[in-house]
Amino acid sequence: MKPQTSKSFSFAEVFCNIFGHQLKVSKNVTNHIHEYECAKCGIEMTDTANGFIARLTPKFKETNAYLASFHERRRQRRQQRTFVKAS
């Protein structure tokens, strides 16, 4: 027999299942991609490539971290280029 794992009961999860999540932006990955966290139950979600919102899995976390670093490097290069032209 498999041991049963007991999951703690949470009114917040029940509330979110009935009325929906109250998502708040927890991190801006790029200008168009954000990570969200539910104010009630604490579930984390993110934007997907096709414009939907999905649960934040370790794979999405890794992808968002790469996108954030790529976006930051590109933004810095763009800033440096404008400063060079202004001189």
C-alpha atoms as a PDB file:
ATOM      1  CA  MET A   1       0.000   0.000   0.000  1.00  0.00           C
ATOM      2  CA  LYS A   2       1.053   3.542  -0.682  1.00  0.00           C
ATOM      3  CA  PRO A   3       1.194   5.875   2.292  1.00  0.00           C
ATOM      4  CA  GLN A   4      -1.337   8.666   2.010  1.00  0.00           C
ATOM      5  CA  THR A   5       0.043  12.136   2.045  1.00  0.00           C
ATOM      6  CA  SER A   6      -2.111  14.466   4.055  1.00  0.00           C
ATOM      7  CA  LYS A   7      -2.550  17.866   2.508  1.00  0.00           C
ATOM      8  CA  SER A   8      -3.498  20.615   4.896  1.00  0.00           C
ATOM      9  CA  PHE A   9      -6.887  22.185   4.311  1.00  0.00           C
ATOM     10  CA  SER A  10      -6.822  25.831   3.341  1.00  0.00           C
ATOM     11  CA  PHE A  11      -9.818  28.149   3.135  1.00  0.00           C
ATOM     12  CA  ALA A  12      -7.769  30.411   0.857  1.00  0.00           C
ATOM     13  CA  GLU A  13      -7.435  27.640  -1.732  1.00  0.00           C
ATOM     14  CA  VAL A  14     -11.161  26.924  -1.571  1.00  0.00           C
ATOM     15  CA  PHE A  15     -11.914  30.634  -1.940  1.00  0.00           C
ATOM     16  CA  CYS A  16      -9.620  30.870  -4.975  1.00  0.00           C
ATOM     17  CA  ASN A  17     -11.124  27.743  -6.532  1.00  0.00           C
ATOM     18  CA  ILE A  18     -14.607  29.244  -6.281  1.00  0.00           C
ATOM     19  CA  PHE A  19     -14.033  32.950  -6.969  1.00  0.00           C
ATOM     20  CA  GLY A  20     -10.671  32.954  -8.772  1.00  0.00           C
ATOM     21  CA  HIS A  21      -7.218  34.136  -7.805  1.00  0.00           C
ATOM     22  CA  GLN A  22      -6.341  37.721  -6.869  1.00  0.00           C
ATOM     23  CA  LEU A  23      -3.099  38.021  -8.801  1.00  0.00           C
ATOM     24  CA  LYS A  24      -0.601  40.768  -8.044  1.00  0.00           C
ATOM     25  CA  VAL A  25       2.640  41.354  -9.948  1.00  0.00           C
ATOM     26  CA  SER A  26       5.550  40.035  -7.912  1.00  0.00           C
ATOM     27  CA  LYS A  27       8.327  40.469 -10.496  1.00  0.00           C
ATOM     28  CA  ASN A  28       8.713  42.221 -13.841  1.00  0.00           C
ATOM     29  CA  VAL A  29      10.806  39.875 -15.983  1.00  0.00           C
ATOM     30  CA  THR A  30      10.661  42.070 -19.104  1.00  0.00           C
ATOM     31  CA  ASN A  31       8.343  44.824 -20.269  1.00  0.00           C
ATOM     32  CA  HIS A  32       5.798  42.229 -21.384  1.00  0.00           C
ATOM     33  CA  ILE A  33       6.433  39.220 -19.153  1.00  0.00           C
ATOM     34  CA  HIS A  34       5.588  39.282 -15.452  1.00  0.00           C
ATOM     35  CA  GLU A  35       5.465  36.867 -12.547  1.00  0.00           C
ATOM     36  CA  TYR A  36       2.337  36.994 -10.385  1.00  0.00           C
ATOM     37  CA  GLU A  37       1.426  35.811  -6.893  1.00  0.00           C
ATOM     38  CA  CYS A  38      -2.076  35.272  -5.563  1.00  0.00           C
ATOM     39  CA  ALA A  39      -2.787  37.515  -2.584  1.00  0.00           C
ATOM     40  CA  LYS A  40      -5.028  34.875  -0.974  1.00  0.00           C
ATOM     41  CA  CYS A  41      -3.401  31.465  -1.462  1.00  0.00           C
ATOM     42  CA  GLY A  42       0.150  32.385  -2.491  1.00  0.00           C
ATOM     43  CA  ILE A  43       0.222  30.439  -5.771  1.00  0.00           C
ATOM     44  CA  GLU A  44       2.766  31.784  -8.285  1.00  0.00           C
ATOM     45  CA  MET A  45       1.950  32.252 -11.963  1.00  0.00           C
ATOM     46  CA  THR A  46       3.636  33.723 -15.030  1.00  0.00           C
ATOM     47  CA  ASP A  47       2.867  34.843 -18.562  1.00  0.00           C
ATOM     48  CA  THR A  48       3.477  32.264 -21.283  1.00  0.00           C
ATOM     49  CA  ALA A  49       4.767  32.741 -24.821  1.00  0.00           C
ATOM     50  CA  ASN A  50       1.269  32.583 -26.289  1.00  0.00           C
ATOM     51  CA  GLY A  51      -0.167  35.199 -23.912  1.00  0.00           C
ATOM     52  CA  PHE A  52      -1.822  32.982 -21.319  1.00  0.00           C
ATOM     53  CA  ILE A  53      -1.094  32.749 -17.596  1.00  0.00           C
ATOM     54  CA  ALA A  54       0.270  29.449 -16.262  1.00  0.00           C
ATOM     55  CA  ARG A  55       1.602  28.121 -12.963  1.00  0.00           C
ATOM     56  CA  LEU A  56       5.207  29.026 -12.286  1.00  0.00           C
ATOM     57  CA  THR A  57       7.099  25.745 -12.601  1.00  0.00           C
ATOM     58  CA  PRO A  58      10.872  25.343 -12.182  1.00  0.00           C
ATOM     59  CA  LYS A  59      11.192  25.311 -15.981  1.00  0.00           C
ATOM     60  CA  PHE A  60       9.316  28.627 -16.260  1.00  0.00           C
ATOM     61  CA  LYS A  61      11.478  30.067 -13.448  1.00  0.00           C
ATOM     62  CA  GLU A  62      14.620  29.101 -15.359  1.00  0.00           C
ATOM     63  CA  THR A  63      13.259  30.538 -18.596  1.00  0.00           C
ATOM     64  CA  ASN A  64      12.214  33.791 -16.911  1.00  0.00           C
ATOM     65  CA  ALA A  65      15.639  34.168 -15.279  1.00  0.00           C
ATOM     66  CA  TYR A  66      17.326  33.769 -18.668  1.00  0.00           C
ATOM     67  CA  LEU A  67      14.924  36.236 -20.310  1.00  0.00           C
ATOM     68  CA  ALA A  68      15.476  38.766 -17.514  1.00  0.00           C
ATOM     69  CA  SER A  69      19.268  38.613 -17.873  1.00  0.00           C
ATOM     70  CA  PHE A  70      19.049  38.812 -21.670  1.00  0.00           C
ATOM     71  CA  HIS A  71      16.646  41.757 -21.476  1.00  0.00           C
ATOM     72  CA  GLU A  72      18.859  43.580 -18.956  1.00  0.00           C
ATOM     73  CA  ARG A  73      22.017  43.133 -21.069  1.00  0.00           C
ATOM     74  CA  ARG A  74      20.193  44.353 -24.161  1.00  0.00           C
ATOM     75  CA  ARG A  75      18.762  47.348 -22.300  1.00  0.00           C
ATOM     76  CA  GLN A  76      22.215  48.314 -21.013  1.00  0.00           C
ATOM     77  CA  ARG A  77      23.733  48.054 -24.497  1.00  0.00           C
ATOM     78  CA  ARG A  78      20.968  50.248 -25.874  1.00  0.00           C
ATOM     79  CA  GLN A  79      21.638  52.850 -23.151  1.00  0.00           C
ATOM     80  CA  GLN A  80      25.386  52.842 -23.819  1.00  0.00           C
ATOM     81  CA  ARG A  81      24.781  53.333 -27.523  1.00  0.00           C
ATOM     82  CA  THR A  82      22.627  56.413 -26.932  1.00  0.00           C
ATOM     83  CA  PHE A  83      25.233  57.916 -24.586  1.00  0.00           C
ATOM     84  CA  VAL A  84      27.976  57.414 -27.167  1.00  0.00           C
ATOM     85  CA  LYS A  85      25.974  59.219 -29.855  1.00  0.00           C
ATOM     86  CA  ALA A  86      25.230  62.124 -27.514  1.00  0.00           C
ATOM     87  CA  SER A  87      28.951  62.803 -26.875  1.00  0.00           C
END
